[in-house]
Amino acid sequence: LRKYWDVAERPMLLLHSLPKPHDLYPTFINPQTGRWSSEKFTFGALADSFYEYLIKQWLITNKKETYLREMFDDAMIGMAKLLVQ
């Protein structure tokens, strides 16, 4: 079971380590470089599930993987700053 977790966690750790515009996650990442293809992001199609699953991943770990909660919290604060002005 641990080997599957390790495989699934690798992309999350990469996303966590990348600089994020407004603490949000751009829609596309270059698989060769592991960097954003652009800094465009969306809250709708192609992205809404990502933000939803950040919190679900944290809950599945019994709240032990705190970086997942931090990713979610930072994104929600970034989203609120852009939407509420």
C-alpha atoms as a PDB file:
ATOM      1  CA  LEU A   1       0.000   0.000   0.000  1.00  0.00           C
ATOM      2  CA  ARG A   2       2.866   2.383   0.796  1.00  0.00           C
ATOM      3  CA  LYS A   3       4.314   2.083  -2.718  1.00  0.00           C
ATOM      4  CA  TYR A   4       1.009   3.292  -4.193  1.00  0.00           C
ATOM      5  CA  TRP A   5       0.936   6.226  -1.784  1.00  0.00           C
ATOM      6  CA  ASP A   6       4.499   7.141  -2.765  1.00  0.00           C
ATOM      7  CA  VAL A   7       3.578   7.145  -6.469  1.00  0.00           C
ATOM      8  CA  ALA A   8       0.453   9.230  -5.899  1.00  0.00           C
ATOM      9  CA  GLU A   9       2.220  11.666  -3.585  1.00  0.00           C
ATOM     10  CA  ARG A  10       5.055  12.563  -5.977  1.00  0.00           C
ATOM     11  CA  PRO A  11       3.010  14.926  -8.181  1.00  0.00           C
ATOM     12  CA  MET A  12       1.448  16.534  -5.098  1.00  0.00           C
ATOM     13  CA  LEU A  13       4.869  17.247  -3.623  1.00  0.00           C
ATOM     14  CA  LEU A  14       5.952  18.715  -6.957  1.00  0.00           C
ATOM     15  CA  LEU A  15       2.889  20.984  -7.073  1.00  0.00           C
ATOM     16  CA  HIS A  16       3.492  21.998  -3.478  1.00  0.00           C
ATOM     17  CA  SER A  17       7.077  23.011  -4.276  1.00  0.00           C
ATOM     18  CA  LEU A  18       6.327  25.106  -7.381  1.00  0.00           C
ATOM     19  CA  PRO A  19       5.796  28.867  -7.186  1.00  0.00           C
ATOM     20  CA  LYS A  20       2.114  29.638  -7.593  1.00  0.00           C
ATOM     21  CA  PRO A  21       0.652  32.900  -8.910  1.00  0.00           C
ATOM     22  CA  HIS A  22      -1.764  34.233  -6.259  1.00  0.00           C
ATOM     23  CA  ASP A  23      -1.306  30.881  -4.419  1.00  0.00           C
ATOM     24  CA  LEU A  24      -3.401  29.251  -7.154  1.00  0.00           C
ATOM     25  CA  TYR A  25      -2.509  26.380  -9.441  1.00  0.00           C
ATOM     26  CA  PRO A  26      -2.204  27.038 -13.168  1.00  0.00           C
ATOM     27  CA  THR A  27      -4.145  24.625 -15.333  1.00  0.00           C
ATOM     28  CA  PHE A  28      -1.310  22.969 -17.252  1.00  0.00           C
ATOM     29  CA  ILE A  29       2.098  21.631 -16.317  1.00  0.00           C
ATOM     30  CA  ASN A  30       4.822  20.565 -18.735  1.00  0.00           C
ATOM     31  CA  PRO A  31       5.497  16.845 -18.110  1.00  0.00           C
ATOM     32  CA  GLN A  32       9.085  17.117 -19.378  1.00  0.00           C
ATOM     33  CA  THR A  33      10.137  20.045 -17.192  1.00  0.00           C
ATOM     34  CA  GLY A  34       7.745  19.750 -14.260  1.00  0.00           C
ATOM     35  CA  ARG A  35       7.029  23.484 -14.570  1.00  0.00           C
ATOM     36  CA  TRP A  36       3.871  25.400 -15.413  1.00  0.00           C
ATOM     37  CA  SER A  37       3.166  25.658 -19.149  1.00  0.00           C
ATOM     38  CA  SER A  38       1.578  29.037 -18.453  1.00  0.00           C
ATOM     39  CA  GLU A  39       0.353  30.991 -15.446  1.00  0.00           C
ATOM     40  CA  LYS A  40      -3.292  30.877 -16.545  1.00  0.00           C
ATOM     41  CA  PHE A  41      -5.665  29.306 -14.059  1.00  0.00           C
ATOM     42  CA  THR A  42      -9.372  28.716 -13.725  1.00  0.00           C
ATOM     43  CA  PHE A  43     -11.843  27.883 -10.984  1.00  0.00           C
ATOM     44  CA  GLY A  44     -14.113  26.033 -13.397  1.00  0.00           C
ATOM     45  CA  ALA A  45     -13.594  23.262 -15.913  1.00  0.00           C
ATOM     46  CA  LEU A  46     -10.200  21.542 -15.778  1.00  0.00           C
ATOM     47  CA  ALA A  47      -9.510  22.764 -12.238  1.00  0.00           C
ATOM     48  CA  ASP A  48     -12.464  22.650  -9.863  1.00  0.00           C
ATOM     49  CA  SER A  49     -11.933  19.000  -8.957  1.00  0.00           C
ATOM     50  CA  PHE A  50      -8.271  19.633  -8.144  1.00  0.00           C
ATOM     51  CA  TYR A  51      -9.179  22.150  -5.451  1.00  0.00           C
ATOM     52  CA  GLU A  52     -11.925  19.863  -4.139  1.00  0.00           C
ATOM     53  CA  TYR A  53      -9.561  16.908  -3.862  1.00  0.00           C
ATOM     54  CA  LEU A  54      -6.898  18.844  -1.978  1.00  0.00           C
ATOM     55  CA  ILE A  55      -9.064  18.850   1.131  1.00  0.00           C
ATOM     56  CA  LYS A  56     -10.253  15.288   0.517  1.00  0.00           C
ATOM     57  CA  GLN A  57      -6.668  14.038   0.287  1.00  0.00           C
ATOM     58  CA  TRP A  58      -5.872  15.670   3.599  1.00  0.00           C
ATOM     59  CA  LEU A  59      -8.913  14.043   5.221  1.00  0.00           C
ATOM     60  CA  ILE A  60      -8.019  10.612   3.796  1.00  0.00           C
ATOM     61  CA  THR A  61      -4.638  10.835   5.542  1.00  0.00           C
ATOM     62  CA  ASN A  62      -6.398  11.325   8.895  1.00  0.00           C
ATOM     63  CA  LYS A  63      -5.213  14.933   8.745  1.00  0.00           C
ATOM     64  CA  LYS A  64      -1.554  13.837   9.010  1.00  0.00           C
ATOM     65  CA  GLU A  65      -0.247  15.262   5.724  1.00  0.00           C
ATOM     66  CA  THR A  66      -0.469  18.893   6.756  1.00  0.00           C
ATOM     67  CA  TYR A  67       1.049  20.170   3.505  1.00  0.00           C
ATOM     68  CA  LEU A  68      -2.181  19.128   1.758  1.00  0.00           C
ATOM     69  CA  ARG A  69      -4.260  21.255   4.122  1.00  0.00           C
ATOM     70  CA  GLU A  70      -1.811  24.139   3.632  1.00  0.00           C
ATOM     71  CA  MET A  71      -2.159  23.826  -0.149  1.00  0.00           C
ATOM     72  CA  PHE A  72      -5.946  23.948   0.176  1.00  0.00           C
ATOM     73  CA  ASP A  73      -5.969  26.841   2.648  1.00  0.00           C
ATOM     74  CA  ASP A  74      -3.508  28.915   0.619  1.00  0.00           C
ATOM     75  CA  ALA A  75      -5.515  28.322  -2.562  1.00  0.00           C
ATOM     76  CA  MET A  76      -8.818  29.260  -0.907  1.00  0.00           C
ATOM     77  CA  ILE A  77      -7.309  32.478   0.472  1.00  0.00           C
ATOM     78  CA  GLY A  78      -5.841  33.267  -2.957  1.00  0.00           C
ATOM     79  CA  MET A  79      -9.199  32.570  -4.582  1.00  0.00           C
ATOM     80  CA  ALA A  80     -11.051  34.799  -2.117  1.00  0.00           C
ATOM     81  CA  LYS A  81      -8.600  37.658  -2.661  1.00  0.00           C
ATOM     82  CA  LEU A  82      -9.249  37.580  -6.400  1.00  0.00           C
ATOM     83  CA  LEU A  83     -13.002  37.104  -6.224  1.00  0.00           C
ATOM     84  CA  VAL A  84     -13.784  39.509  -3.380  1.00  0.00           C
ATOM     85  CA  GLN A  85     -12.394  42.974  -4.003  1.00  0.00           C
END
